[in-house]
Amino acid sequence: MVKNFPTYAVLAVIAGGVVIGAWRMFGEESGHSAKSDVVVPPLSGDAALGKAAFDRNCAECHGGNASGTGKGPPLVHQIYNPGHHADEAFFRAAEYGVRQHHWPYGNMPAQPQVSHREVARIVEYVRALQKANGIVYQPHRM
């Protein structure tokens, strides 16, 4: 390393590399854009009710069939596999909101208009979509 090269400059370069790497992993350039094509399976009764609740409350940001939009990420994405985001994560997101952490869309506000029962049905719907698109439980590793 150059003798008088400031430590903060080295740290800034490293941080920039991490940000670029994360964007490539989760952003547009990796093929995981905010919009994805989704296979829609036949839906059970609760999953069909979940689709209706999703369309009313979630689709504006998370897209039709949870495919994502410019306002919010696709929920049919490996990040949301049950081993990384358990069902409880969806309940907590609706009740408390979510701070931005995987995607560059900002914080998700709480959704108090969505009942616990509706969230359960939405989870059923999202998990059916995920399964039909090859997204299954994988243990989370850090």
Protein backbone atom coordinates (compact mmCIF):
# COMPACT_ATOMS: atom_id res chain seq x y z
CA MET A 1 0.00 0.00 0.00
CA VAL A 2 1.17 3.57 -0.65
CA LYS A 3 2.65 5.02 2.54
CA ASN A 4 0.50 8.14 2.95
CA PHE A 5 -2.69 6.72 1.41
CA PRO A 6 -5.45 7.55 3.93
CA THR A 7 -7.10 4.60 5.64
CA TYR A 8 -10.55 6.06 5.04
CA ALA A 9 -9.92 6.01 1.28
CA VAL A 10 -9.11 2.30 1.43
CA LEU A 11 -12.26 1.68 3.47
CA ALA A 12 -14.33 3.68 0.98
CA VAL A 13 -13.02 1.57 -1.91
CA ILE A 14 -13.83 -1.65 -0.03
CA ALA A 15 -17.32 -0.40 0.89
CA GLY A 16 -17.93 0.58 -2.73
CA GLY A 17 -16.95 -2.91 -3.85
CA VAL A 18 -19.38 -4.45 -1.38
CA VAL A 19 -22.22 -2.21 -2.59
CA ILE A 20 -21.50 -2.99 -6.24
CA GLY A 21 -21.28 -6.71 -5.47
CA ALA A 22 -24.62 -6.64 -3.64
CA TRP A 23 -26.26 -4.72 -6.46
CA ARG A 24 -24.98 -7.26 -8.99
CA MET A 25 -26.24 -10.09 -6.80
CA PHE A 26 -29.71 -8.65 -6.18
CA GLY A 27 -30.11 -5.86 -8.72
CA GLU A 28 -30.97 -5.43 -12.35
CA GLU A 29 -27.64 -6.58 -13.80
CA SER A 30 -27.85 -10.09 -12.34
CA GLY A 31 -31.09 -10.92 -14.13
CA HIS A 32 -33.00 -10.50 -10.86
CA SER A 33 -34.65 -7.27 -11.79
CA ALA A 34 -37.58 -5.84 -9.89
CA LYS A 35 -39.89 -7.58 -12.37
CA SER A 36 -39.80 -11.32 -12.96
CA ASP A 37 -41.84 -13.79 -14.98
CA VAL A 38 -43.92 -15.96 -12.68
CA VAL A 39 -45.54 -19.34 -13.28
CA VAL A 40 -48.97 -19.34 -11.62
CA PRO A 41 -50.15 -22.77 -10.42
CA PRO A 42 -53.73 -23.84 -9.75
CA LEU A 43 -54.58 -22.32 -6.37
CA SER A 44 -56.25 -23.94 -3.35
CA GLY A 45 -59.19 -22.15 -1.69
CA ASP A 46 -57.05 -20.28 0.86
CA ALA A 47 -54.36 -19.48 -1.72
CA ALA A 48 -57.05 -18.12 -4.09
CA LEU A 49 -58.40 -15.95 -1.27
CA GLY A 50 -54.79 -14.93 -0.60
CA LYS A 51 -54.39 -13.87 -4.22
CA ALA A 52 -57.45 -11.63 -3.92
CA ALA A 53 -56.09 -10.09 -0.68
CA PHE A 54 -52.63 -9.73 -2.27
CA ASP A 55 -54.09 -8.01 -5.33
CA ARG A 56 -55.95 -5.52 -3.08
CA ASN A 57 -53.13 -4.79 -0.65
CA CYS A 58 -49.73 -5.79 -2.02
CA ALA A 59 -49.70 -5.86 -5.83
CA GLU A 60 -49.28 -2.10 -6.24
CA CYS A 61 -45.71 -2.43 -4.97
CA HIS A 62 -44.92 -6.16 -5.22
CA GLY A 63 -46.53 -6.59 -8.64
CA GLY A 64 -49.12 -8.90 -10.10
CA ASN A 65 -48.42 -12.47 -8.98
CA ALA A 66 -45.69 -11.08 -6.69
CA SER A 67 -43.47 -10.41 -9.70
CA GLY A 68 -42.15 -7.05 -8.45
CA THR A 69 -42.40 -3.47 -9.71
CA GLY A 70 -40.31 -0.33 -9.65
CA LYS A 71 -41.78 0.31 -6.18
CA GLY A 72 -41.08 -3.06 -4.54
CA PRO A 73 -39.29 -6.37 -4.96
CA PRO A 74 -40.63 -9.63 -6.31
CA LEU A 75 -41.64 -12.02 -3.55
CA VAL A 76 -41.14 -14.85 -6.02
CA HIS A 77 -37.39 -14.64 -5.52
CA GLN A 78 -34.86 -16.88 -3.81
CA ILE A 79 -34.31 -14.24 -1.11
CA TYR A 80 -37.80 -15.03 0.20
CA ASN A 81 -37.40 -18.82 0.37
CA PRO A 82 -38.83 -20.18 3.64
CA GLY A 83 -35.36 -20.86 5.03
CA HIS A 84 -34.40 -17.20 4.77
CA HIS A 85 -37.78 -15.51 5.33
CA ALA A 86 -40.06 -17.76 7.36
CA ASP A 87 -43.82 -17.22 7.21
CA GLU A 88 -43.55 -15.12 10.38
CA ALA A 89 -41.53 -12.54 8.42
CA PHE A 90 -44.60 -11.80 6.29
CA PHE A 91 -46.80 -11.38 9.37
CA ARG A 92 -44.27 -9.04 10.96
CA ALA A 93 -43.88 -7.06 7.73
CA ALA A 94 -47.62 -6.43 7.54
CA GLU A 95 -47.90 -5.53 11.22
CA TYR A 96 -44.73 -3.49 11.73
CA GLY A 97 -43.35 -2.69 8.30
CA VAL A 98 -39.81 -3.53 7.18
CA ARG A 99 -36.64 -1.50 7.06
CA GLN A 100 -34.89 -1.61 3.70
CA HIS A 101 -32.27 -4.34 3.72
CA HIS A 102 -32.19 -6.53 0.57
CA TRP A 103 -33.42 -4.15 -2.11
CA PRO A 104 -33.10 -0.44 -2.97
CA TYR A 105 -36.81 0.46 -2.62
CA GLY A 106 -36.82 2.10 0.79
CA ASN A 107 -38.71 1.01 3.87
CA MET A 108 -42.01 -0.86 3.61
CA PRO A 109 -44.68 0.73 5.80
CA ALA A 110 -46.90 -1.34 8.08
CA GLN A 111 -50.16 -2.50 6.49
CA PRO A 112 -52.70 -2.23 9.34
CA GLN A 113 -55.66 -2.68 6.97
CA VAL A 114 -54.62 -6.31 6.34
CA SER A 115 -55.97 -8.71 8.96
CA HIS A 116 -53.97 -11.60 10.43
CA ARG A 117 -56.25 -14.03 8.56
CA GLU A 118 -55.65 -12.19 5.26
CA VAL A 119 -51.88 -12.28 5.82
CA ALA A 120 -52.10 -16.04 6.42
CA ARG A 121 -53.90 -16.44 3.09
CA ILE A 122 -51.42 -14.12 1.34
CA VAL A 123 -48.56 -16.25 2.67
CA GLU A 124 -50.34 -19.37 1.34
CA TYR A 125 -50.59 -17.68 -2.07
CA VAL A 126 -46.99 -16.46 -2.14
CA ARG A 127 -45.66 -19.87 -1.05
CA ALA A 128 -47.73 -21.56 -3.80
CA LEU A 129 -46.21 -19.17 -6.35
CA GLN A 130 -42.73 -19.76 -4.99
CA LYS A 131 -43.08 -23.54 -5.09
CA ALA A 132 -44.38 -23.45 -8.68
CA ASN A 133 -41.31 -21.39 -9.58
CA GLY A 134 -38.76 -23.68 -7.92
CA ILE A 135 -38.28 -21.64 -4.76
CA VAL A 136 -38.23 -24.05 -1.86
CA TYR A 137 -36.79 -24.16 1.65
CA GLN A 138 -33.04 -23.69 1.77
CA PRO A 139 -31.22 -23.23 5.08
CA HIS A 140 -30.07 -19.65 5.58
CA ARG A 141 -26.31 -19.21 5.69
CA MET A 142 -24.54 -16.01 6.53
